[in-house]
N, C-alpha and C. Protein backbone atom coordinates (compact mmCIF):
# COMPACT_ATOMS: atom_id res chain seq x y z
N MET A 1 239.65 147.39 -54.66
CA MET A 1 241.00 146.84 -54.34
C MET A 1 241.13 146.68 -52.84
N SER A 2 240.94 147.71 -52.04
CA SER A 2 241.18 147.64 -50.62
C SER A 2 240.22 146.63 -49.99
N ARG A 3 238.99 146.55 -50.48
CA ARG A 3 238.01 145.62 -49.92
C ARG A 3 238.49 144.18 -50.07
N ILE A 4 239.06 143.86 -51.21
CA ILE A 4 239.58 142.51 -51.44
C ILE A 4 240.67 142.19 -50.47
N ILE A 5 241.56 143.15 -50.25
CA ILE A 5 242.68 142.96 -49.30
C ILE A 5 242.14 142.71 -47.91
N VAL A 6 241.16 143.51 -47.52
CA VAL A 6 240.53 143.35 -46.16
C VAL A 6 239.92 141.97 -46.04
N GLU A 7 239.21 141.54 -47.08
CA GLU A 7 238.58 140.24 -47.02
C GLU A 7 239.63 139.13 -46.88
N ARG A 8 240.75 139.29 -47.62
CA ARG A 8 241.79 138.25 -47.53
C ARG A 8 242.35 138.21 -46.10
N ILE A 9 242.57 139.40 -45.50
CA ILE A 9 243.13 139.44 -44.14
C ILE A 9 242.14 138.80 -43.14
N LEU A 10 240.86 139.06 -43.35
CA LEU A 10 239.84 138.47 -42.44
C LEU A 10 239.82 136.96 -42.63
N ASN A 11 239.91 136.50 -43.87
CA ASN A 11 239.92 135.06 -44.11
C ASN A 11 241.14 134.39 -43.45
N LYS A 12 242.30 135.02 -43.51
CA LYS A 12 243.51 134.49 -42.87
C LYS A 12 243.31 134.44 -41.35
N GLU A 13 242.74 135.50 -40.80
CA GLU A 13 242.54 135.51 -39.34
C GLU A 13 241.57 134.40 -38.88
N ILE A 14 240.48 134.25 -39.66
CA ILE A 14 239.49 133.19 -39.35
C ILE A 14 240.13 131.84 -39.44
N ALA A 15 240.91 131.60 -40.50
CA ALA A 15 241.58 130.31 -40.66
C ALA A 15 242.54 130.09 -39.51
N ARG A 16 243.27 131.14 -39.09
CA ARG A 16 244.20 131.00 -37.99
C ARG A 16 243.45 130.62 -36.67
N MET A 17 242.29 131.27 -36.44
CA MET A 17 241.51 130.96 -35.21
C MET A 17 240.98 129.55 -35.27
N LEU A 18 240.64 129.04 -36.47
CA LEU A 18 240.11 127.68 -36.63
C LEU A 18 241.28 126.67 -36.44
N VAL A 19 242.49 127.04 -36.91
CA VAL A 19 243.63 126.12 -36.89
C VAL A 19 244.23 126.05 -35.48
N LEU A 20 244.26 127.18 -34.75
CA LEU A 20 244.91 127.20 -33.44
C LEU A 20 244.37 126.16 -32.50
N PRO A 21 243.06 126.02 -32.29
CA PRO A 21 242.58 125.03 -31.28
C PRO A 21 243.08 123.62 -31.57
N SER A 22 243.16 123.21 -32.83
CA SER A 22 243.66 121.88 -33.13
C SER A 22 245.12 121.76 -32.76
N HIS A 23 245.90 122.82 -32.98
CA HIS A 23 247.31 122.78 -32.62
C HIS A 23 247.43 122.66 -31.08
N LEU A 24 246.63 123.46 -30.37
CA LEU A 24 246.64 123.38 -28.90
C LEU A 24 246.24 121.99 -28.44
N HIS A 25 245.25 121.41 -29.05
CA HIS A 25 244.79 120.06 -28.68
C HIS A 25 245.94 119.05 -28.90
N GLN A 26 246.63 119.17 -30.03
CA GLN A 26 247.75 118.25 -30.30
C GLN A 26 248.87 118.40 -29.24
N LEU A 27 249.18 119.70 -28.91
CA LEU A 27 250.24 119.92 -27.94
C LEU A 27 249.83 119.35 -26.58
N ILE A 28 248.57 119.56 -26.17
CA ILE A 28 248.12 119.08 -24.88
C ILE A 28 248.19 117.54 -24.88
N SER A 29 247.73 116.91 -25.95
CA SER A 29 247.73 115.43 -25.98
C SER A 29 249.15 114.93 -25.96
N GLN A 30 250.08 115.62 -26.61
CA GLN A 30 251.45 115.20 -26.67
C GLN A 30 252.07 115.28 -25.25
N THR A 31 251.82 116.41 -24.57
CA THR A 31 252.41 116.57 -23.24
C THR A 31 251.80 115.54 -22.27
N ILE A 32 250.53 115.23 -22.42
CA ILE A 32 249.89 114.25 -21.56
C ILE A 32 250.54 112.88 -21.83
N ASN A 33 250.84 112.57 -23.08
CA ASN A 33 251.45 111.27 -23.41
C ASN A 33 252.90 111.21 -22.88
N VAL A 34 253.62 112.35 -22.90
CA VAL A 34 255.01 112.35 -22.46
C VAL A 34 255.07 112.24 -20.96
N VAL A 35 254.25 113.02 -20.24
CA VAL A 35 254.26 113.02 -18.76
C VAL A 35 253.40 111.88 -18.25
N PRO A 36 253.92 110.97 -17.51
CA PRO A 36 253.17 109.83 -17.01
C PRO A 36 252.17 110.23 -15.90
């Protein structure tokens, strides 16, 4: 039981780490587009 929970938490953290860079990239590109 506990092992499955730990694996789920790890998967969520890995997904978050993979998703964050794309969000940062979008934010940076948006700010560059807004600021001339």
